[in-house]
């Protein structure tokens, strides 16, 4: 029992120490924050492009499968926005 408690305390302490170091590094390193933010924004933009690239056929099938006509309406609105209206 004592070995399990000691092991848990050691791993818990190591997790706190590592978390503290990572938090300190992010809080004090401006370049690291900018790098992480840039990566998150890139991932978001890629995801957004993939969703915007949904074809009408896929939108219609999705609307039929989910019985949700709003999906098709949103797709049409996105197409109008894409061409500038």
PDB file of N, CA and C in Angstrom:
ATOM      1  N   UNK A   1       0.821  -1.188   0.000  1.00  0.00           N
ATOM      2  CA  UNK A   1       0.000   0.000   0.000  1.00  0.00           C
ATOM      3  C   UNK A   1       0.869   1.258   0.000  1.00  0.00           C
ATOM      4  N   UNK A   2       1.927   1.254   0.796  1.00  0.00           N
ATOM      5  CA  UNK A   2       2.784   2.426   0.866  1.00  0.00           C
ATOM      6  C   UNK A   2       3.502   2.684  -0.459  1.00  0.00           C
ATOM      7  N   UNK A   3       3.874   1.614  -1.166  1.00  0.00           N
ATOM      8  CA  UNK A   3       4.526   1.782  -2.460  1.00  0.00           C
ATOM      9  C   UNK A   3       3.590   2.450  -3.460  1.00  0.00           C
ATOM     10  N   UNK A   4       2.325   2.063  -3.441  1.00  0.00           N
ATOM     11  CA  UNK A   4       1.357   2.656  -4.360  1.00  0.00           C
ATOM     12  C   UNK A   4       1.130   4.129  -4.056  1.00  0.00           C
ATOM     13  N   UNK A   5       1.061   4.475  -2.793  1.00  0.00           N
ATOM     14  CA  UNK A   5       0.870   5.867  -2.384  1.00  0.00           C
ATOM     15  C   UNK A   5       2.085   6.693  -2.779  1.00  0.00           C
ATOM     16  N   UNK A   6       3.277   6.172  -2.515  1.00  0.00           N
ATOM     17  CA  UNK A   6       4.505   6.897  -2.878  1.00  0.00           C
ATOM     18  C   UNK A   6       4.607   7.080  -4.390  1.00  0.00           C
ATOM     19  N   UNK A   7       4.280   6.037  -5.134  1.00  0.00           N
ATOM     20  CA  UNK A   7       4.326   6.125  -6.596  1.00  0.00           C
ATOM     21  C   UNK A   7       3.345   7.177  -7.087  1.00  0.00           C
ATOM     22  N   UNK A   8       2.145   7.196  -6.530  1.00  0.00           N
ATOM     23  CA  UNK A   8       1.137   8.179  -6.918  1.00  0.00           C
ATOM     24  C   UNK A   8       1.609   9.592  -6.585  1.00  0.00           C
ATOM     25  N   UNK A   9       2.222   9.763  -5.421  1.00  0.00           N
ATOM     26  CA  UNK A   9       2.734  11.085  -5.040  1.00  0.00           C
ATOM     27  C   UNK A   9       3.863  11.540  -5.956  1.00  0.00           C
ATOM     28  N   UNK A  10       4.742  10.623  -6.313  1.00  0.00           N
ATOM     29  CA  UNK A  10       5.862  10.965  -7.192  1.00  0.00           C
ATOM     30  C   UNK A  10       5.342  11.365  -8.573  1.00  0.00           C
ATOM     31  N   UNK A  11       4.444  10.551  -9.124  1.00  0.00           N
ATOM     32  CA  UNK A  11       3.899  10.876 -10.443  1.00  0.00           C
ATOM     33  C   UNK A  11       3.047  12.141 -10.401  1.00  0.00           C
ATOM     34  N   UNK A  12       2.308  12.326  -9.325  1.00  0.00           N
ATOM     35  CA  UNK A  12       1.513  13.551  -9.171  1.00  0.00           C
ATOM     36  C   UNK A  12       2.399  14.777  -9.091  1.00  0.00           C
ATOM     37  N   UNK A  13       3.475  14.669  -8.314  1.00  0.00           N
ATOM     38  CA  UNK A  13       4.418  15.781  -8.199  1.00  0.00           C
ATOM     39  C   UNK A  13       5.106  16.078  -9.522  1.00  0.00           C
ATOM     40  N   UNK A  14       5.450  15.021 -10.264  1.00  0.00           N
ATOM     41  CA  UNK A  14       6.082  15.213 -11.571  1.00  0.00           C
ATOM     42  C   UNK A  14       5.112  15.886 -12.537  1.00  0.00           C
ATOM     43  N   UNK A  15       3.846  15.493 -12.487  1.00  0.00           N
ATOM     44  CA  UNK A  15       2.842  16.099 -13.374  1.00  0.00           C
ATOM     45  C   UNK A  15       2.664  17.581 -13.049  1.00  0.00           C
ATOM     46  N   UNK A  16       2.644  17.921 -11.765  1.00  0.00           N
ATOM     47  CA  UNK A  16       2.516  19.326 -11.357  1.00  0.00           C
ATOM     48  C   UNK A  16       3.740  20.117 -11.803  1.00  0.00           C
ATOM     49  N   UNK A  17       4.917  19.542 -11.639  1.00  0.00           N
ATOM     50  CA  UNK A  17       6.142  20.231 -12.026  1.00  0.00           C
ATOM     51  C   UNK A  17       6.192  20.459 -13.533  1.00  0.00           C
ATOM     52  N   UNK A  18       5.849  19.458 -14.309  1.00  0.00           N
ATOM     53  CA  UNK A  18       5.862  19.588 -15.770  1.00  0.00           C
ATOM     54  C   UNK A  18       4.808  20.598 -16.215  1.00  0.00           C
ATOM     55  N   UNK A  19       3.613  20.517 -15.629  1.00  0.00           N
ATOM     56  CA  UNK A  19       2.556  21.470 -15.965  1.00  0.00           C
ATOM     57  C   UNK A  19       2.943  22.890 -15.620  1.00  0.00           C
ATOM     58  N   UNK A  20       3.591  23.071 -14.490  1.00  0.00           N
ATOM     59  CA  UNK A  20       4.042  24.403 -14.084  1.00  0.00           C
ATOM     60  C   UNK A  20       5.088  24.939 -15.057  1.00  0.00           C
ATOM     61  N   UNK A  21       6.017  24.086 -15.452  1.00  0.00           N
ATOM     62  CA  UNK A  21       7.054  24.509 -16.390  1.00  0.00           C
ATOM     63  C   UNK A  21       6.449  24.909 -17.728  1.00  0.00           C
ATOM     64  N   UNK A  22       5.526  24.092 -18.239  1.00  0.00           N
ATOM     65  CA  UNK A  22       4.895  24.390 -19.529  1.00  0.00           C
ATOM     66  C   UNK A  22       4.096  25.693 -19.433  1.00  0.00           C
ATOM     67  N   UNK A  23       3.353  25.860 -18.347  1.00  0.00           N
ATOM     68  CA  UNK A  23       2.598  27.097 -18.153  1.00  0.00           C
ATOM     69  C   UNK A  23       3.501  28.312 -18.068  1.00  0.00           C
ATOM     70  N   UNK A  24       4.599  28.192 -17.343  1.00  0.00           N
ATOM     71  CA  UNK A  24       5.559  29.294 -17.236  1.00  0.00           C
ATOM     72  C   UNK A  24       6.160  29.625 -18.599  1.00  0.00           C
ATOM     73  N   UNK A  25       6.516  28.587 -19.353  1.00  0.00           N
ATOM     74  CA  UNK A  25       7.133  28.782 -20.664  1.00  0.00           C
ATOM     75  C   UNK A  25       6.161  29.497 -21.609  1.00  0.00           C
ATOM     76  N   UNK A  26       4.897  29.074 -21.613  1.00  0.00           N
ATOM     77  CA  UNK A  26       3.907  29.709 -22.486  1.00  0.00           C
ATOM     78  C   UNK A  26       3.653  31.150 -22.043  1.00  0.00           C
ATOM     79  N   UNK A  27       3.611  31.383 -20.736  1.00  0.00           N
ATOM     80  CA  UNK A  27       3.325  32.721 -20.235  1.00  0.00           C
ATOM     81  C   UNK A  27       4.460  33.703 -20.497  1.00  0.00           C
ATOM     82  N   UNK A  28       5.692  33.216 -20.553  1.00  0.00           N
ATOM     83  CA  UNK A  28       6.826  34.138 -20.673  1.00  0.00           C
ATOM     84  C   UNK A  28       7.448  34.180 -22.061  1.00  0.00           C
ATOM     85  N   UNK A  29       7.195  33.222 -22.915  1.00  0.00           N
ATOM     86  CA  UNK A  29       7.829  33.154 -24.233  1.00  0.00           C
ATOM     87  C   UNK A  29       6.855  33.620 -25.313  1.00  0.00           C
ATOM     88  N   UNK A  30       7.037  34.863 -25.758  1.00  0.00           N
ATOM     89  CA  UNK A  30       6.129  35.446 -26.747  1.00  0.00           C
ATOM     90  C   UNK A  30       6.189  34.697 -28.073  1.00  0.00           C
ATOM     91  N   UNK A  31       7.380  34.289 -28.495  1.00  0.00           N
ATOM     92  CA  UNK A  31       7.521  33.565 -29.761  1.00  0.00           C
ATOM     93  C   UNK A  31       6.771  32.230 -29.723  1.00  0.00           C
ATOM     94  N   UNK A  32       6.834  31.537 -28.595  1.00  0.00           N
ATOM     95  CA  UNK A  32       6.129  30.261 -28.450  1.00  0.00           C
ATOM     96  C   UNK A  32       4.620  30.478 -28.518  1.00  0.00           C
ATOM     97  N   UNK A  33       4.125  31.520 -27.838  1.00  0.00           N
ATOM     98  CA  UNK A  33       2.691  31.823 -27.896  1.00  0.00           C
ATOM     99  C   UNK A  33       2.254  32.125 -29.323  1.00  0.00           C
ATOM    100  N   UNK A  34       3.040  32.921 -30.039  1.00  0.00           N
ATOM    101  CA  UNK A  34       2.701  33.250 -31.425  1.00  0.00           C
ATOM    102  C   UNK A  34       2.727  32.011 -32.311  1.00  0.00           C
ATOM    103  N   UNK A  35       3.701  31.137 -32.102  1.00  0.00           N
ATOM    104  CA  UNK A  35       3.803  29.896 -32.867  1.00  0.00           C
ATOM    105  C   UNK A  35       2.581  29.010 -32.628  1.00  0.00           C
ATOM    106  N   UNK A  36       2.204  28.837 -31.360  1.00  0.00           N
ATOM    107  CA  UNK A  36       1.041  28.011 -31.036  1.00  0.00           C
ATOM    108  C   UNK A  36      -0.245  28.623 -31.591  1.00  0.00           C
ATOM    109  N   UNK A  37      -0.393  29.933 -31.466  1.00  0.00           N
ATOM    110  CA  UNK A  37      -1.575  30.614 -31.986  1.00  0.00           C
ATOM    111  C   UNK A  37      -1.659  30.477 -33.495  1.00  0.00           C
ATOM    112  N   UNK A  38      -0.527  30.627 -34.176  1.00  0.00           N
ATOM    113  CA  UNK A  38      -0.488  30.485 -35.636  1.00  0.00           C
ATOM    114  C   UNK A  38      -0.901  29.079 -36.063  1.00  0.00           C
ATOM    115  N   UNK A  39      -0.421  28.064 -35.357  1.00  0.00           N
ATOM    116  CA  UNK A  39      -0.788  26.677 -35.673  1.00  0.00           C
ATOM    117  C   UNK A  39      -2.275  26.421 -35.453  1.00  0.00           C
ATOM    118  N   UNK A  40      -2.831  26.961 -34.371  1.00  0.00           N
ATOM    119  CA  UNK A  40      -4.259  26.785 -34.106  1.00  0.00           C
ATOM    120  C   UNK A  40      -5.087  27.493 -35.184  1.00  0.00           C
ATOM    121  N   UNK A  41      -4.676  28.705 -35.570  1.00  0.00           N
ATOM    122  CA  UNK A  41      -5.400  29.432 -36.612  1.00  0.00           C
ATOM    123  C   UNK A  41      -5.312  28.708 -37.951  1.00  0.00           C
ATOM    124  N   UNK A  42      -4.146  28.156 -38.278  1.00  0.00           N
ATOM    125  CA  UNK A  42      -4.001  27.394 -39.524  1.00  0.00           C
ATOM    126  C   UNK A  42      -4.912  26.180 -39.536  1.00  0.00           C
ATOM    127  N   UNK A  43      -4.963  25.462 -38.424  1.00  0.00           N
ATOM    128  CA  UNK A  43      -5.828  24.283 -38.340  1.00  0.00           C
ATOM    129  C   UNK A  43      -7.293  24.685 -38.490  1.00  0.00           C
ATOM    130  N   UNK A  44      -7.675  25.794 -37.868  1.00  0.00           N
ATOM    131  CA  UNK A  44      -9.055  26.272 -37.979  1.00  0.00           C
ATOM    132  C   UNK A  44      -9.381  26.659 -39.413  1.00  0.00           C
ATOM    133  N   UNK A  45      -8.473  27.369 -40.074  1.00  0.00           N
ATOM    134  CA  UNK A  45      -8.711  27.794 -41.462  1.00  0.00           C
ATOM    135  C   UNK A  45      -8.804  26.594 -42.408  1.00  0.00           C
ATOM    136  N   UNK A  46      -7.969  25.591 -42.205  1.00  0.00           N
ATOM    137  CA  UNK A  46      -8.030  24.386 -43.043  1.00  0.00           C
ATOM    138  C   UNK A  46      -9.371  23.694 -42.845  1.00  0.00           C
ATOM    139  N   UNK A  47      -9.797  23.578 -41.600  1.00  0.00           N
ATOM    140  CA  UNK A  47     -11.080  22.947 -41.306  1.00  0.00           C
ATOM    141  C   UNK A  47     -12.222  23.743 -41.930  1.00  0.00           C
ATOM    142  N   UNK A  48     -12.148  25.047 -41.837  1.00  0.00           N
ATOM    143  CA  UNK A  48     -13.194  25.914 -42.390  1.00  0.00           C
ATOM    144  C   UNK A  48     -13.259  25.773 -43.910  1.00  0.00           C
ATOM    145  N   UNK A  49     -12.095  25.699 -44.565  1.00  0.00           N
ATOM    146  CA  UNK A  49     -12.066  25.528 -46.030  1.00  0.00           C
ATOM    147  C   UNK A  49     -12.682  24.203 -46.443  1.00  0.00           C
ATOM    148  N   UNK A  50     -12.402  23.155 -45.685  1.00  0.00           N
ATOM    149  CA  UNK A  50     -12.961  21.839 -46.027  1.00  0.00           C
ATOM    150  C   UNK A  50     -14.478  21.854 -45.902  1.00  0.00           C
ATOM    151  N   UNK A  51     -14.996  22.499 -44.883  1.00  0.00           N
ATOM    152  CA  UNK A  51     -16.448  22.572 -44.713  1.00  0.00           C
ATOM    153  C   UNK A  51     -17.054  23.442 -45.805  1.00  0.00           C
ATOM    154  N   UNK A  52     -16.413  24.550 -46.137  1.00  0.00           N
ATOM    155  CA  UNK A  52     -16.935  25.436 -47.174  1.00  0.00           C
ATOM    156  C   UNK A  52     -16.894  24.768 -48.540  1.00  0.00           C
ATOM    157  N   UNK A  53     -16.004  23.817 -48.721  1.00  0.00           N
ATOM    158  CA  UNK A  53     -15.879  23.138 -50.000  1.00  0.00           C
ATOM    159  C   UNK A  53     -16.883  22.020 -50.196  1.00  0.00           C
ATOM    160  N   UNK A  54     -17.848  21.901 -49.283  1.00  0.00           N
ATOM    161  CA  UNK A  54     -18.840  20.843 -49.413  1.00  0.00           C
ATOM    162  C   UNK A  54     -19.638  21.065 -50.700  1.00  0.00           C
ATOM    163  N   UNK A  55     -19.792  20.044 -51.477  1.00  0.00           N
ATOM    164  CA  UNK A  55     -20.522  20.160 -52.732  1.00  0.00           C
ATOM    165  C   UNK A  55     -22.019  20.159 -52.474  1.00  0.00           C
ATOM    166  N   UNK A  56     -22.757  20.630 -53.457  1.00  0.00           N
ATOM    167  CA  UNK A  56     -24.211  20.676 -53.324  1.00  0.00           C
ATOM    168  C   UNK A  56     -24.777  19.269 -53.136  1.00  0.00           C
ATOM    169  N   UNK A  57     -24.185  18.312 -53.833  1.00  0.00           N
ATOM    170  CA  UNK A  57     -24.663  16.934 -53.722  1.00  0.00           C
ATOM    171  C   UNK A  57     -24.544  16.422 -52.290  1.00  0.00           C
ATOM    172  N   UNK A  58     -23.416  16.697 -51.664  1.00  0.00           N
ATOM    173  CA  UNK A  58     -23.207  16.266 -50.285  1.00  0.00           C
ATOM    174  C   UNK A  58     -24.189  16.991 -49.367  1.00  0.00           C
ATOM    175  N   UNK A  59     -24.401  18.272 -49.608  1.00  0.00           N
ATOM    176  CA  UNK A  59     -25.346  19.032 -48.787  1.00  0.00           C
ATOM    177  C   UNK A  59     -26.754  18.473 -48.913  1.00  0.00           C
ATOM    178  N   UNK A  60     -27.156  18.125 -50.137  1.00  0.00           N
ATOM    179  CA  UNK A  60     -28.494  17.581 -50.353  1.00  0.00           C
ATOM    180  C   UNK A  60     -28.636  16.211 -49.674  1.00  0.00           C
ATOM    181  N   UNK A  61     -27.624  15.352 -49.815  1.00  0.00           N
ATOM    182  CA  UNK A  61     -27.690  14.034 -49.175  1.00  0.00           C
ATOM    183  C   UNK A  61     -27.748  14.161 -47.656  1.00  0.00           C
ATOM    184  N   UNK A  62     -26.948  15.080 -47.123  1.00  0.00           N
ATOM    185  CA  UNK A  62     -26.947  15.284 -45.674  1.00  0.00           C
ATOM    186  C   UNK A  62     -28.304  15.798 -45.213  1.00  0.00           C
ATOM    187  N   UNK A  63     -28.872  16.750 -45.968  1.00  0.00           N
ATOM    188  CA  UNK A  63     -30.182  17.288 -45.602  1.00  0.00           C
ATOM    189  C   UNK A  63     -31.243  16.194 -45.646  1.00  0.00           C
ATOM    190  N   UNK A  64     -31.168  15.313 -46.647  1.00  0.00           N
ATOM    191  CA  UNK A  64     -32.150  14.233 -46.745  1.00  0.00           C
ATOM    192  C   UNK A  64     -31.981  13.221 -45.618  1.00  0.00           C
ATOM    193  N   UNK A  65     -30.730  12.875 -45.325  1.00  0.00           N
ATOM    194  CA  UNK A  65     -30.473  11.866 -44.288  1.00  0.00           C
ATOM    195  C   UNK A  65     -30.900  12.365 -42.913  1.00  0.00           C
ATOM    196  N   UNK A  66     -30.648  13.625 -42.641  1.00  0.00           N
ATOM    197  CA  UNK A  66     -30.972  14.165 -41.318  1.00  0.00           C
ATOM    198  C   UNK A  66     -32.356  14.791 -41.283  1.00  0.00           C
ATOM    199  N   UNK A  67     -33.017  14.835 -42.437  1.00  0.00           N
ATOM    200  CA  UNK A  67     -34.338  15.484 -42.558  1.00  0.00           C
ATOM    201  C   UNK A  67     -34.263  16.916 -42.061  1.00  0.00           C
ATOM    202  N   UNK A  68     -33.192  17.602 -42.442  1.00  0.00           N
ATOM    203  CA  UNK A  68     -32.947  18.965 -41.987  1.00  0.00           C
ATOM    204  C   UNK A  68     -32.742  19.869 -43.199  1.00  0.00           C
ATOM    205  N   UNK A  69     -33.761  20.596 -43.642  1.00  0.00           N
ATOM    206  CA  UNK A  69     -33.605  21.464 -44.813  1.00  0.00           C
ATOM    207  C   UNK A  69     -32.693  22.656 -44.553  1.00  0.00           C
ATOM    208  N   UNK A  70     -32.437  22.967 -43.290  1.00  0.00           N
ATOM    209  CA  UNK A  70     -31.582  24.101 -42.966  1.00  0.00           C
ATOM    210  C   UNK A  70     -30.163  23.895 -43.495  1.00  0.00           C
ATOM    211  N   UNK A  71     -29.705  22.649 -43.559  1.00  0.00           N
ATOM    212  CA  UNK A  71     -28.368  22.360 -44.058  1.00  0.00           C
ATOM    213  C   UNK A  71     -28.224  22.873 -45.480  1.00  0.00           C
ATOM    214  N   UNK A  72     -29.199  22.590 -46.321  1.00  0.00           N
ATOM    215  CA  UNK A  72     -29.142  23.036 -47.705  1.00  0.00           C
ATOM    216  C   UNK A  72     -29.236  24.565 -47.786  1.00  0.00           C
ATOM    217  N   UNK A  73     -30.060  25.178 -46.958  1.00  0.00           N
ATOM    218  CA  UNK A  73     -30.188  26.635 -46.945  1.00  0.00           C
ATOM    219  C   UNK A  73     -28.860  27.285 -46.571  1.00  0.00           C
ATOM    220  N   UNK A  74     -28.187  26.734 -45.580  1.00  0.00           N
ATOM    221  CA  UNK A  74     -26.884  27.276 -45.176  1.00  0.00           C
ATOM    222  C   UNK A  74     -25.867  27.131 -46.294  1.00  0.00           C
ATOM    223  N   UNK A  75     -25.910  26.018 -47.009  1.00  0.00           N
ATOM    224  CA  UNK A  75     -24.973  25.815 -48.112  1.00  0.00           C
ATOM    225  C   UNK A  75     -25.209  26.862 -49.189  1.00  0.00           C
ATOM    226  N   UNK A  76     -26.458  27.125 -49.527  1.00  0.00           N
ATOM    227  CA  UNK A  76     -26.781  28.118 -50.556  1.00  0.00           C
ATOM    228  C   UNK A  76     -26.328  29.503 -50.106  1.00  0.00           C
ATOM    229  N   UNK A  77     -26.559  29.838 -48.837  1.00  0.00           N
ATOM    230  CA  UNK A  77     -26.121  31.136 -48.323  1.00  0.00           C
ATOM    231  C   UNK A  77     -24.600  31.269 -48.402  1.00  0.00           C
ATOM    232  N   UNK A  78     -23.873  30.197 -48.084  1.00  0.00           N
ATOM    233  CA  UNK A  78     -22.407  30.231 -48.178  1.00  0.00           C
ATOM    234  C   UNK A  78     -21.962  30.437 -49.620  1.00  0.00           C
ATOM    235  N   UNK A  79     -22.669  29.836 -50.575  1.00  0.00           N
ATOM    236  CA  UNK A  79     -22.320  30.018 -51.989  1.00  0.00           C
ATOM    237  C   UNK A  79     -22.535  31.457 -52.414  1.00  0.00           C
ATOM    238  N   UNK A  80     -23.623  32.065 -51.989  1.00  0.00           N
ATOM    239  CA  UNK A  80     -23.879  33.481 -52.312  1.00  0.00           C
ATOM    240  C   UNK A  80     -22.803  34.380 -51.695  1.00  0.00           C
ATOM    241  N   UNK A  81     -22.414  34.083 -50.458  1.00  0.00           N
ATOM    242  CA  UNK A  81     -21.366  34.873 -49.809  1.00  0.00           C
ATOM    243  C   UNK A  81     -20.035  34.703 -50.527  1.00  0.00           C
ATOM    244  N   UNK A  82     -19.777  33.503 -51.026  1.00  0.00           N
ATOM    245  CA  UNK A  82     -18.502  33.236 -51.709  1.00  0.00           C
ATOM    246  C   UNK A  82     -18.366  34.030 -52.983  1.00  0.00           C
ATOM    247  N   UNK A  83     -19.487  34.312 -53.658  1.00  0.00           N
ATOM    248  CA  UNK A  83     -19.392  35.085 -54.906  1.00  0.00           C
ATOM    249  C   UNK A  83     -19.598  36.579 -54.677  1.00  0.00           C
ATOM    250  N   UNK A  84     -19.834  36.967 -53.411  1.00  0.00           N
ATOM    251  CA  UNK A  84     -19.836  38.385 -53.060  1.00  0.00           C
ATOM    252  C   UNK A  84     -21.190  39.020 -52.888  1.00  0.00           C
ATOM    253  N   UNK A  85     -22.252  38.244 -52.786  1.00  0.00           N
ATOM    254  CA  UNK A  85     -23.577  38.836 -52.573  1.00  0.00           C
ATOM    255  C   UNK A  85     -24.014  38.710 -51.150  1.00  0.00           C
TER     256      UNK A  85
END
